[in-house]
Amino acid sequence: MVRDDLIFTACHFDQDAHEGDYYSEYDEPTPEEIRLLASLSLPIGPERGSLVLYPSATRIRLDEHRRLDDPAVIAEAEMLLRRAIKSDVRQVRGGALMPPGEYRHFHWPLPDSENEELLSNIDIHDHLLIRGLSTWLKASMLNIHEMFGEEANYPLWISLDASFAIIKEVVQATGVQDPSAVDCQTYIHEAFGEENSGLRYFEEFYDDRIMTMHPRNRFGTFAFAPISHCDFYALKVALREVYRYILMGRVVDPQLAIDTVEANLPL
């Protein structure tokens, strides 16, 4: 729902679907919200910019199943949400990181078909996939804040590890017993039509993680993380491609989809 001063989303939430054998107080956003946000973010490629969604910490829940195509339900939800935002003391006292204070129009078309396909293929019961997508999304949120540029890499590395575990399962399903990191990287090269590097799975980023997460390590002792901004963007884009392939089973060129739309626009 888009308003002049507010953009909000609504989705159904099944409490029973998220009961597990562990406890966490860090279970927001919900898997349903992660599915929605990821399906919107993954189709957009760097060729036309990127879509970084930054949901507010303020949210409401209606305790009964309501029709989301009913304007009265949406109006009620909007009223309750605005009331909750106004009374949220975390934001008033600056206790929560806030997204940029304005909306910016993204004037290139969203690939609707890819968006719908991704939405239908994201299984909210797949904990590994949800963890990988949620950390991929949160990495971009952190990177908005310049002070936390280093820390933005941390969730991205978790997302990388989740993708590695998923690709191991995929490679194992092809008949490879106990696939190695080299086997998984070879699979990625073949899937994307790349020359085989012989490296382990995203090997070039593992040294960065070691040097950053362990202040004293085999590479030395560093006062600051010895990584660069381009490392973050390179891994973020690469993981976007991997997760799209995992979810869609094919390599998608977002530029091609946009060029096709533009070619059919009236002059």
Protein backbone atom coordinates (compact mmCIF):
# COMPACT_ATOMS: atom_id res chain seq x y z
CA MET A 1 0.00 0.00 0.00
CA VAL A 2 1.50 3.31 -1.11
CA ARG A 3 0.60 6.64 0.46
CA ASP A 4 2.29 10.02 0.14
CA ASP A 5 3.84 9.68 3.59
CA LEU A 6 3.73 5.94 4.22
CA ILE A 7 4.39 2.69 2.39
CA PHE A 8 3.33 -0.45 4.21
CA THR A 9 2.79 -4.12 3.47
CA ALA A 10 0.30 -6.62 4.83
CA CYS A 11 0.55 -10.39 4.77
CA HIS A 12 -1.02 -13.36 6.48
CA PHE A 13 0.90 -14.82 9.40
CA ASP A 14 0.50 -18.34 10.76
CA GLN A 15 1.73 -18.52 14.34
CA ASP A 16 1.62 -22.32 14.41
CA ALA A 17 3.93 -22.54 11.40
CA HIS A 18 6.83 -21.02 13.34
CA GLU A 19 6.88 -23.13 16.47
CA GLY A 20 10.19 -25.00 16.74
CA ASP A 21 12.50 -26.71 19.18
CA TYR A 22 14.45 -23.55 19.91
CA TYR A 23 13.75 -20.11 21.35
CA SER A 24 14.67 -16.77 19.87
CA GLU A 25 13.81 -13.17 20.62
CA TYR A 26 15.13 -12.14 17.20
CA ASP A 27 12.30 -13.52 15.10
CA GLU A 28 11.38 -10.30 13.28
CA PRO A 29 10.63 -9.84 10.48
CA THR A 30 8.51 -12.95 10.18
CA PRO A 31 9.19 -15.59 7.50
CA GLU A 32 6.13 -14.35 5.60
CA GLU A 33 7.57 -10.84 5.56
CA ILE A 34 11.01 -12.12 4.55
CA ARG A 35 9.40 -14.00 1.65
CA LEU A 36 7.64 -10.83 0.51
CA LEU A 37 10.66 -8.53 0.89
CA ALA A 38 13.02 -10.99 -0.81
CA SER A 39 10.66 -11.52 -3.75
CA LEU A 40 10.68 -7.74 -4.30
CA SER A 41 14.43 -7.25 -3.86
CA LEU A 42 15.90 -10.21 -5.74
CA PRO A 43 14.55 -9.39 -9.25
CA ILE A 44 16.22 -5.97 -9.39
CA GLY A 45 19.76 -6.01 -10.74
CA PRO A 46 22.64 -3.56 -10.31
CA GLU A 47 22.41 -2.47 -13.93
CA ARG A 48 19.45 -0.21 -13.03
CA GLY A 49 20.34 0.39 -9.41
CA SER A 50 19.19 -1.80 -6.54
CA LEU A 51 16.11 -2.04 -4.39
CA VAL A 52 16.95 -1.82 -0.69
CA LEU A 53 13.92 -2.29 1.51
CA TYR A 54 14.15 -0.99 5.08
CA PRO A 55 11.03 -1.95 7.06
CA SER A 56 10.35 0.01 10.21
CA ALA A 57 10.49 -1.79 13.54
CA THR A 58 6.91 -0.67 14.17
CA ARG A 59 4.31 -3.24 13.17
CA ILE A 60 0.88 -4.44 14.17
CA ARG A 61 -0.80 -7.85 14.14
CA LEU A 62 -4.49 -8.53 13.77
CA ASP A 63 -5.43 -11.62 15.76
CA GLU A 64 -7.84 -13.04 13.19
CA HIS A 65 -7.60 -14.00 9.54
CA ARG A 66 -8.81 -11.08 7.42
CA ARG A 67 -9.17 -10.58 3.67
CA LEU A 68 -6.30 -8.47 2.44
CA ASP A 69 -8.20 -7.53 -0.72
CA ASP A 70 -10.90 -5.84 1.38
CA PRO A 71 -10.40 -2.03 1.39
CA ALA A 72 -12.05 -1.80 4.81
CA VAL A 73 -9.51 -4.22 6.29
CA ILE A 74 -6.60 -2.28 4.78
CA ALA A 75 -8.05 1.01 6.04
CA GLU A 76 -8.36 -0.40 9.55
CA ALA A 77 -4.82 -1.78 9.43
CA GLU A 78 -3.46 1.57 8.23
CA MET A 79 -5.24 3.43 11.01
CA LEU A 80 -3.83 1.06 13.66
CA LEU A 81 -0.36 1.19 12.11
CA ARG A 82 -0.26 5.00 12.07
CA ARG A 83 -1.37 5.03 15.69
CA ALA A 84 1.38 2.55 16.59
CA ILE A 85 4.04 4.58 14.76
CA LYS A 86 2.98 7.74 16.56
CA SER A 87 3.21 6.10 19.98
CA ASP A 88 6.38 4.05 19.39
CA VAL A 89 8.73 5.42 22.05
CA ARG A 90 11.75 3.66 20.50
CA GLN A 91 11.64 6.00 17.54
CA VAL A 92 10.85 9.11 19.55
CA ARG A 93 13.90 8.69 21.78
CA GLY A 94 16.13 7.50 18.94
CA GLY A 95 16.39 3.99 20.34
CA ALA A 96 16.02 2.35 16.93
CA LEU A 97 17.97 2.85 13.73
CA MET A 98 15.74 4.60 11.25
CA PRO A 99 15.78 4.31 7.46
CA PRO A 100 16.30 7.35 5.23
CA GLY A 101 13.61 9.96 5.82
CA GLU A 102 12.28 10.10 2.28
CA TYR A 103 11.00 7.83 -0.47
CA ARG A 104 12.77 7.78 -3.79
CA HIS A 105 10.98 6.85 -6.96
CA PHE A 106 12.47 3.85 -8.77
CA HIS A 107 11.40 4.54 -12.33
CA TRP A 108 12.43 1.26 -13.94
CA PRO A 109 9.73 -1.41 -14.08
CA LEU A 110 9.78 -4.23 -11.53
CA PRO A 111 10.01 -7.62 -13.30
CA ASP A 112 6.58 -8.78 -12.17
CA SER A 113 6.86 -12.32 -13.51
CA GLU A 114 10.12 -12.94 -11.63
CA ASN A 115 8.64 -11.32 -8.52
CA GLU A 116 5.63 -13.64 -8.58
CA GLU A 117 7.74 -16.72 -9.30
CA LEU A 118 10.12 -15.96 -6.44
CA LEU A 119 7.23 -15.32 -4.05
CA SER A 120 5.66 -18.68 -4.85
CA ASN A 121 8.98 -20.57 -4.60
CA ILE A 122 10.14 -19.25 -1.22
CA ASP A 123 9.13 -21.83 1.36
CA ILE A 124 8.61 -20.16 4.75
CA HIS A 125 9.13 -23.55 6.42
CA ASP A 126 12.65 -23.87 4.98
CA HIS A 127 14.63 -22.45 7.90
CA LEU A 128 17.94 -22.50 6.02
CA LEU A 129 16.55 -20.52 3.09
CA ILE A 130 14.74 -18.02 5.32
CA ARG A 131 17.90 -17.42 7.36
CA GLY A 132 19.92 -16.87 4.21
CA LEU A 133 17.42 -14.44 2.70
CA SER A 134 16.82 -12.51 5.93
CA THR A 135 20.53 -11.89 6.50
CA TRP A 136 20.96 -10.89 2.86
CA LEU A 137 18.21 -8.30 3.29
CA LYS A 138 19.51 -7.01 6.63
CA ALA A 139 23.03 -6.57 5.24
CA SER A 140 21.74 -3.88 2.87
CA MET A 141 19.81 -2.22 5.68
CA LEU A 142 22.96 -1.94 7.79
CA ASN A 143 25.00 -0.68 4.86
CA ILE A 144 22.73 2.36 4.58
CA HIS A 145 24.32 3.62 7.80
CA GLU A 146 27.91 4.60 7.00
CA MET A 147 29.03 4.03 10.58
CA PHE A 148 28.09 0.34 10.27
CA GLY A 149 29.69 -0.34 6.90
CA GLU A 150 32.00 -2.99 8.35
CA GLU A 151 29.20 -4.64 10.32
CA ALA A 152 27.07 -4.84 7.17
CA ASN A 153 29.39 -7.62 6.00
CA TYR A 154 28.59 -9.83 9.00
CA PRO A 155 25.04 -10.83 8.02
CA LEU A 156 26.21 -11.13 4.41
CA TRP A 157 28.70 -13.81 5.47
CA ILE A 158 25.91 -15.67 7.29
CA SER A 159 23.87 -15.52 4.09
CA LEU A 160 26.88 -16.86 2.20
CA ASP A 161 27.16 -19.80 4.58
CA ALA A 162 23.45 -20.55 4.22
CA SER A 163 23.76 -20.55 0.43
CA PHE A 164 26.72 -22.92 0.70
CA ALA A 165 24.66 -25.37 2.76
CA ILE A 166 21.82 -25.19 0.22
CA ILE A 167 24.14 -25.70 -2.76
CA LYS A 168 25.70 -28.69 -1.00
CA GLU A 169 22.25 -30.27 -0.84
CA VAL A 170 21.68 -29.50 -4.53
CA VAL A 171 25.03 -31.02 -5.55
CA GLN A 172 24.41 -34.05 -3.35
CA ALA A 173 21.10 -34.59 -5.13
CA THR A 174 23.05 -34.96 -8.41
CA GLY A 175 24.79 -38.03 -6.99
CA VAL A 176 27.92 -36.52 -5.43
CA GLN A 177 28.46 -38.02 -1.98
CA ASP A 178 29.52 -35.51 0.69
CA PRO A 179 30.27 -32.67 -1.79
CA SER A 180 33.23 -30.45 -0.96
CA ALA A 181 33.49 -26.67 -1.20
CA VAL A 182 35.31 -27.18 -4.51
CA ASP A 183 32.46 -29.33 -5.83
CA CYS A 184 29.97 -26.60 -4.91
CA GLN A 185 31.99 -23.87 -6.61
CA THR A 186 32.33 -26.05 -9.71
CA TYR A 187 28.55 -26.47 -9.76
CA ILE A 188 28.09 -22.68 -9.60
CA HIS A 189 30.57 -22.15 -12.45
CA GLU A 190 28.75 -24.69 -14.61
CA ALA A 191 25.32 -23.27 -13.79
CA PHE A 192 26.39 -19.75 -14.76
CA GLY A 193 28.45 -20.79 -17.79
CA GLU A 194 31.76 -19.70 -16.24
CA GLU A 195 35.24 -21.13 -16.56
CA ASN A 196 36.08 -23.43 -13.68
CA SER A 197 38.42 -21.65 -11.27
CA GLY A 198 39.23 -24.69 -9.14
CA LEU A 199 38.60 -22.59 -6.03
CA ARG A 200 36.47 -23.46 -3.04
CA TYR A 201 32.96 -22.02 -2.72
CA PHE A 202 33.38 -18.20 -2.79
CA GLU A 203 36.90 -18.76 -1.49
CA GLU A 204 37.96 -15.15 -2.01
CA PHE A 205 35.56 -13.98 0.73
CA TYR A 206 36.53 -16.46 3.45
CA ASP A 207 39.88 -14.80 4.18
CA ASP A 208 38.05 -11.48 4.61
CA ARG A 209 35.76 -13.08 7.17
CA ILE A 210 38.66 -14.57 9.11
CA MET A 211 40.62 -11.31 9.18
CA THR A 212 37.56 -9.32 10.24
CA MET A 213 35.89 -11.61 12.77
CA HIS A 214 39.15 -12.63 14.49
CA PRO A 215 41.17 -9.50 15.41
CA ARG A 216 44.29 -11.65 15.82
CA ASN A 217 44.62 -14.35 13.18
CA ARG A 218 47.12 -16.07 10.91
CA PHE A 219 47.20 -13.04 8.62
CA GLY A 220 48.15 -10.63 11.42
CA THR A 221 46.55 -8.24 13.93
CA PHE A 222 44.47 -5.36 12.62
CA ALA A 223 43.06 -2.24 14.25
CA PHE A 224 40.42 -2.05 11.54
CA ALA A 225 38.83 -4.62 9.27
CA PRO A 226 41.13 -5.01 6.21
CA ILE A 227 38.26 -5.11 3.72
CA SER A 228 36.85 -2.70 1.15
CA HIS A 229 33.44 -1.35 0.20
CA CYS A 230 33.56 -3.10 -3.16
CA ASP A 231 33.88 -6.47 -1.40
CA PHE A 232 30.46 -5.92 0.17
CA TYR A 233 28.78 -5.02 -3.12
CA ALA A 234 30.49 -7.83 -5.03
CA LEU A 235 29.29 -10.45 -2.55
CA LYS A 236 25.81 -8.94 -2.25
CA VAL A 237 25.30 -9.07 -6.03
CA ALA A 238 26.79 -12.55 -6.32
CA LEU A 239 24.51 -13.91 -3.60
CA ARG A 240 21.52 -12.31 -5.28
CA GLU A 241 22.35 -14.31 -8.40
CA VAL A 242 22.86 -17.54 -6.41
CA TYR A 243 19.60 -17.24 -4.50
CA ARG A 244 17.69 -16.44 -7.69
CA TYR A 245 19.18 -19.56 -9.26
CA ILE A 246 18.29 -21.62 -6.17
CA LEU A 247 14.70 -20.40 -6.26
CA MET A 248 14.10 -20.28 -10.01
CA GLY A 249 16.39 -23.01 -11.31
CA ARG A 250 17.85 -20.80 -14.00
CA VAL A 251 20.10 -17.80 -14.52
CA VAL A 252 18.06 -14.63 -14.99
CA ASP A 253 19.37 -11.48 -16.63
CA PRO A 254 17.45 -8.59 -15.04
CA GLN A 255 18.78 -6.22 -17.69
CA LEU A 256 17.15 -8.28 -20.44
CA ALA A 257 13.76 -8.09 -18.75
CA ILE A 258 14.00 -4.32 -18.40
CA ASP A 259 15.25 -3.81 -21.96
CA THR A 260 12.30 -5.87 -23.22
CA VAL A 261 9.88 -3.61 -21.33
CA GLU A 262 11.57 -0.47 -22.60
CA ALA A 263 11.50 -1.71 -26.19
CA ASN A 264 7.72 -1.94 -25.99
CA LEU A 265 7.15 1.46 -24.42
CA PRO A 266 5.47 4.05 -26.71
CA LEU A 267 7.76 6.79 -27.99
